[in-house]
N, C-alpha and C. Protein backbone atom coordinates (compact mmCIF):
# COMPACT_ATOMS: atom_id res chain seq x y z
N MET A 1 41.11 -30.22 0.33
CA MET A 1 40.62 -29.23 1.26
C MET A 1 39.16 -28.95 0.96
N LYS A 2 38.32 -29.05 1.98
CA LYS A 2 36.89 -28.84 1.81
C LYS A 2 36.55 -27.35 1.92
N THR A 3 35.72 -26.88 1.03
CA THR A 3 35.30 -25.49 1.03
C THR A 3 34.05 -25.34 1.90
N LYS A 4 34.04 -24.30 2.73
CA LYS A 4 32.89 -24.04 3.58
C LYS A 4 32.11 -22.88 2.99
N THR A 5 30.80 -23.01 2.95
CA THR A 5 29.93 -21.96 2.45
C THR A 5 29.23 -21.31 3.64
N TYR A 6 29.15 -20.00 3.60
CA TYR A 6 28.52 -19.24 4.68
C TYR A 6 27.20 -18.66 4.21
N LYS A 7 26.23 -18.64 5.11
CA LYS A 7 24.92 -18.06 4.80
C LYS A 7 24.99 -16.54 4.76
N ASN A 8 25.87 -15.98 5.60
CA ASN A 8 25.98 -14.52 5.65
C ASN A 8 27.34 -14.12 6.21
N ILE A 9 27.62 -12.83 6.14
CA ILE A 9 28.91 -12.31 6.58
C ILE A 9 29.08 -12.46 8.08
N ASN A 10 27.98 -12.45 8.82
CA ASN A 10 28.07 -12.59 10.28
C ASN A 10 28.62 -13.95 10.66
N ASP A 11 28.19 -14.99 9.98
CA ASP A 11 28.70 -16.33 10.26
C ASP A 11 30.17 -16.45 9.90
N PHE A 12 30.54 -15.82 8.80
CA PHE A 12 31.94 -15.81 8.38
C PHE A 12 32.81 -15.10 9.43
N GLY A 13 32.34 -13.95 9.88
CA GLY A 13 33.07 -13.20 10.90
C GLY A 13 33.21 -13.97 12.20
N LYS A 14 32.15 -14.69 12.55
CA LYS A 14 32.17 -15.50 13.78
C LYS A 14 33.25 -16.58 13.68
N ASP A 15 33.35 -17.21 12.52
CA ASP A 15 34.38 -18.23 12.32
C ASP A 15 35.79 -17.64 12.38
N LEU A 16 35.91 -16.38 12.04
CA LEU A 16 37.21 -15.71 12.10
C LEU A 16 37.52 -15.20 13.51
N GLY A 17 36.54 -15.33 14.39
CA GLY A 17 36.73 -14.88 15.76
C GLY A 17 36.45 -13.40 15.96
N LEU A 18 35.71 -12.81 15.04
CA LEU A 18 35.38 -11.39 15.14
C LEU A 18 34.11 -11.19 15.96
N SER A 19 34.06 -10.10 16.68
CA SER A 19 32.85 -9.76 17.41
C SER A 19 31.80 -9.21 16.44
N LYS A 20 30.57 -9.11 16.89
CA LYS A 20 29.51 -8.54 16.04
C LYS A 20 29.86 -7.11 15.64
N GLU A 21 30.44 -6.38 16.58
CA GLU A 21 30.83 -5.00 16.30
C GLU A 21 31.89 -4.93 15.21
N GLN A 22 32.87 -5.81 15.29
CA GLN A 22 33.94 -5.83 14.29
C GLN A 22 33.39 -6.17 12.91
N VAL A 23 32.43 -7.08 12.86
CA VAL A 23 31.81 -7.44 11.58
C VAL A 23 31.05 -6.25 11.00
N GLN A 24 30.32 -5.54 11.84
CA GLN A 24 29.55 -4.38 11.37
C GLN A 24 30.47 -3.27 10.87
N ILE A 25 31.58 -3.04 11.58
CA ILE A 25 32.55 -2.04 11.14
C ILE A 25 33.15 -2.43 9.80
N ALA A 26 33.49 -3.70 9.64
CA ALA A 26 34.05 -4.19 8.38
C ALA A 26 33.06 -4.01 7.24
N LYS A 27 31.79 -4.28 7.50
CA LYS A 27 30.76 -4.11 6.47
C LYS A 27 30.63 -2.64 6.06
N LEU A 28 30.64 -1.75 7.05
CA LEU A 28 30.53 -0.33 6.77
C LEU A 28 31.74 0.18 5.99
N LYS A 29 32.93 -0.22 6.41
CA LYS A 29 34.15 0.18 5.70
C LYS A 29 34.13 -0.32 4.26
N THR A 30 33.69 -1.54 4.07
CA THR A 30 33.64 -2.12 2.72
C THR A 30 32.68 -1.35 1.83
N LYS A 31 31.55 -0.96 2.39
CA LYS A 31 30.56 -0.20 1.61
C LYS A 31 31.12 1.17 1.20
N ILE A 32 31.78 1.85 2.12
CA ILE A 32 32.38 3.15 1.81
C ILE A 32 33.50 2.97 0.78
N LYS A 33 34.34 1.96 0.97
CA LYS A 33 35.45 1.70 0.03
C LYS A 33 34.92 1.46 -1.38
N LYS A 34 33.84 0.70 -1.49
CA LYS A 34 33.28 0.40 -2.80
C LYS A 34 32.80 1.68 -3.49
N SER A 35 32.16 2.56 -2.74
CA SER A 35 31.71 3.84 -3.32
C SER A 35 32.90 4.68 -3.76
N ILE A 36 33.95 4.67 -2.96
CA ILE A 36 35.17 5.41 -3.32
C ILE A 36 35.77 4.85 -4.60
N GLN A 37 35.86 3.53 -4.70
CA GLN A 37 36.42 2.91 -5.90
C GLN A 37 35.59 3.26 -7.14
N GLU A 38 34.27 3.21 -7.02
CA GLU A 38 33.40 3.52 -8.16
C GLU A 38 33.57 4.97 -8.60
N LYS A 39 33.64 5.89 -7.63
CA LYS A 39 33.81 7.31 -7.96
C LYS A 39 35.18 7.56 -8.58
N ALA A 40 36.20 6.92 -8.03
CA ALA A 40 37.56 7.11 -8.56
C ALA A 40 37.67 6.63 -10.00
N GLU A 41 36.93 5.59 -10.35
CA GLU A 41 36.94 5.09 -11.73
C GLU A 41 36.28 6.08 -12.68
N LYS A 42 35.30 6.84 -12.18
CA LYS A 42 34.54 7.76 -13.03
C LYS A 42 35.25 9.08 -13.28
N ILE A 43 36.07 9.52 -12.34
CA ILE A 43 36.71 10.83 -12.48
C ILE A 43 38.07 10.69 -13.18
N ASP A 44 38.52 11.77 -13.71
CA ASP A 44 39.77 11.76 -14.46
C ASP A 44 40.90 12.41 -13.67
N PHE A 45 41.14 11.89 -12.45
CA PHE A 45 42.23 12.39 -11.61
C PHE A 45 43.17 11.25 -11.30
N SER A 46 44.42 11.58 -11.13
CA SER A 46 45.42 10.57 -10.75
C SER A 46 45.31 10.30 -9.25
N ILE A 47 45.94 9.23 -8.81
CA ILE A 47 46.00 8.90 -7.39
C ILE A 47 46.63 10.06 -6.62
N THR A 48 47.68 10.65 -7.19
CA THR A 48 48.36 11.77 -6.54
C THR A 48 47.42 12.96 -6.38
N GLU A 49 46.64 13.25 -7.40
CA GLU A 49 45.69 14.37 -7.32
C GLU A 49 44.61 14.09 -6.27
N ILE A 50 44.12 12.87 -6.24
CA ILE A 50 43.12 12.50 -5.24
C ILE A 50 43.71 12.58 -3.84
N ALA A 51 44.95 12.16 -3.70
CA ALA A 51 45.63 12.24 -2.40
C ALA A 51 45.76 13.70 -1.97
N ASP A 52 46.13 14.57 -2.88
CA ASP A 52 46.25 16.00 -2.57
C ASP A 52 44.90 16.58 -2.16
N MET A 53 43.85 16.19 -2.85
CA MET A 53 42.51 16.68 -2.53
C MET A 53 42.06 16.24 -1.13
N SER A 54 42.45 15.05 -0.74
CA SER A 54 41.98 14.48 0.52
C SER A 54 42.91 14.77 1.70
N GLY A 55 44.17 15.13 1.40
CA GLY A 55 45.13 15.34 2.46
C GLY A 55 45.72 14.05 2.99
N LEU A 56 45.49 12.96 2.28
CA LEU A 56 46.01 11.65 2.67
C LEU A 56 47.24 11.32 1.84
N ALA A 57 48.04 10.42 2.36
CA ALA A 57 49.22 9.98 1.63
C ALA A 57 48.81 9.23 0.36
N ARG A 58 49.62 9.39 -0.69
CA ARG A 58 49.34 8.72 -1.96
C ARG A 58 49.23 7.21 -1.78
N THR A 59 50.10 6.65 -0.96
CA THR A 59 50.06 5.19 -0.74
C THR A 59 48.77 4.75 -0.05
N THR A 60 48.26 5.58 0.85
CA THR A 60 47.00 5.27 1.52
C THR A 60 45.86 5.28 0.52
N VAL A 61 45.80 6.32 -0.29
CA VAL A 61 44.75 6.45 -1.31
C VAL A 61 44.83 5.30 -2.30
N SER A 62 46.02 5.00 -2.76
CA SER A 62 46.22 3.91 -3.71
C SER A 62 45.74 2.59 -3.11
N GLY A 63 46.11 2.34 -1.87
CA GLY A 63 45.69 1.11 -1.20
C GLY A 63 44.19 0.99 -1.10
N ILE A 64 43.53 2.07 -0.72
CA ILE A 64 42.06 2.05 -0.59
C ILE A 64 41.41 1.82 -1.95
N ILE A 65 41.83 2.57 -2.95
CA ILE A 65 41.23 2.45 -4.28
C ILE A 65 41.49 1.07 -4.88
N ASN A 66 42.62 0.48 -4.54
CA ASN A 66 42.93 -0.85 -5.07
C ASN A 66 42.41 -1.99 -4.20
N GLY A 67 41.65 -1.65 -3.17
CA GLY A 67 40.93 -2.68 -2.42
C GLY A 67 41.41 -3.02 -1.04
N SER A 68 42.44 -2.39 -0.55
CA SER A 68 42.95 -2.73 0.78
C SER A 68 42.24 -1.94 1.87
N LEU A 69 41.85 -2.63 2.92
CA LEU A 69 41.29 -1.96 4.09
C LEU A 69 42.14 -2.24 5.32
N GLN A 70 43.27 -2.90 5.10
CA GLN A 70 44.14 -3.23 6.22
C GLN A 70 44.61 -1.95 6.89
N SER A 71 44.32 -1.82 8.15
CA SER A 71 44.74 -0.68 8.97
C SER A 71 44.22 0.66 8.46
N VAL A 72 43.12 0.68 7.75
CA VAL A 72 42.54 1.94 7.28
C VAL A 72 41.44 2.35 8.26
N SER A 73 41.60 3.53 8.82
CA SER A 73 40.62 4.01 9.78
C SER A 73 39.38 4.54 9.06
N MET A 74 38.31 4.59 9.83
CA MET A 74 37.07 5.15 9.30
C MET A 74 37.28 6.62 8.94
N GLU A 75 38.09 7.31 9.73
CA GLU A 75 38.37 8.72 9.47
C GLU A 75 39.03 8.91 8.10
N ARG A 76 39.98 8.06 7.77
CA ARG A 76 40.64 8.17 6.46
C ARG A 76 39.67 7.87 5.33
N LEU A 77 38.83 6.87 5.52
CA LEU A 77 37.84 6.56 4.48
C LEU A 77 36.90 7.74 4.28
N LEU A 78 36.46 8.35 5.37
CA LEU A 78 35.56 9.49 5.25
C LEU A 78 36.24 10.69 4.61
N LYS A 79 37.50 10.95 4.96
CA LYS A 79 38.23 12.05 4.33
C LYS A 79 38.29 11.86 2.82
N LEU A 80 38.58 10.64 2.42
CA LEU A 80 38.68 10.34 1.00
C LEU A 80 37.32 10.45 0.32
N ALA A 81 36.29 9.92 0.95
CA ALA A 81 34.94 10.01 0.39
C ALA A 81 34.51 11.46 0.21
N PHE A 82 34.73 12.28 1.23
CA PHE A 82 34.34 13.68 1.15
C PHE A 82 35.14 14.43 0.09
N ALA A 83 36.43 14.10 -0.05
CA ALA A 83 37.26 14.73 -1.08
C ALA A 83 36.74 14.40 -2.48
N LEU A 84 36.11 13.23 -2.61
CA LEU A 84 35.56 12.82 -3.91
C LEU A 84 34.11 13.26 -4.06
N ASP A 85 33.66 14.14 -3.16
CA ASP A 85 32.32 14.70 -3.20
C ASP A 85 31.23 13.64 -3.00
N LEU A 86 31.53 12.67 -2.14
CA LEU A 86 30.56 11.66 -1.78
C LEU A 86 29.99 12.01 -0.41
N SER A 87 28.73 11.66 -0.19
CA SER A 87 28.16 11.84 1.14
C SER A 87 28.04 10.47 1.78
N VAL A 88 28.06 10.46 3.09
CA VAL A 88 27.94 9.22 3.84
C VAL A 88 26.80 9.38 4.83
N ASP A 89 25.79 8.54 4.71
CA ASP A 89 24.66 8.56 5.62
C ASP A 89 24.71 7.33 6.49
N LEU A 90 24.53 7.52 7.77
CA LEU A 90 24.58 6.42 8.70
C LEU A 90 23.19 6.21 9.28
N LYS A 91 22.68 5.02 9.14
CA LYS A 91 21.36 4.70 9.69
C LYS A 91 21.59 3.79 10.89
N ILE A 92 21.03 4.17 12.00
CA ILE A 92 21.17 3.38 13.22
C ILE A 92 19.80 2.82 13.58
N GLY A 93 19.76 1.53 13.78
CA GLY A 93 18.51 0.88 14.13
C GLY A 93 18.75 -0.21 15.15
N LYS A 94 17.70 -0.85 15.52
CA LYS A 94 17.77 -1.93 16.49
C LYS A 94 18.49 -3.13 15.87
N ALA A 95 19.41 -3.71 16.63
CA ALA A 95 20.17 -4.87 16.15
C ALA A 95 19.23 -6.05 15.98
N ALA A 96 19.52 -6.85 14.97
CA ALA A 96 18.67 -8.02 14.69
C ALA A 96 18.99 -9.16 15.63
């Protein structure tokens, strides 16, 4: 099996049949998830405590912290980020 190398995430998304919008949403979700994972590693709270703080189900929080973004809404990611005292800034500019 031959391995294909991609120049960027946009080309990868295109091969998967994703629209530009879907690729951008995935990139944004991944960035927020990474910040959540980093913060969760630094604090001394259990998954259950973080779930209680955010109002999300323990399984949802566990999935996000362990790397899953399958069926995770932006709203859930933001709830979790805010519960962990993270801020999220969105910069909107002209598409390349």
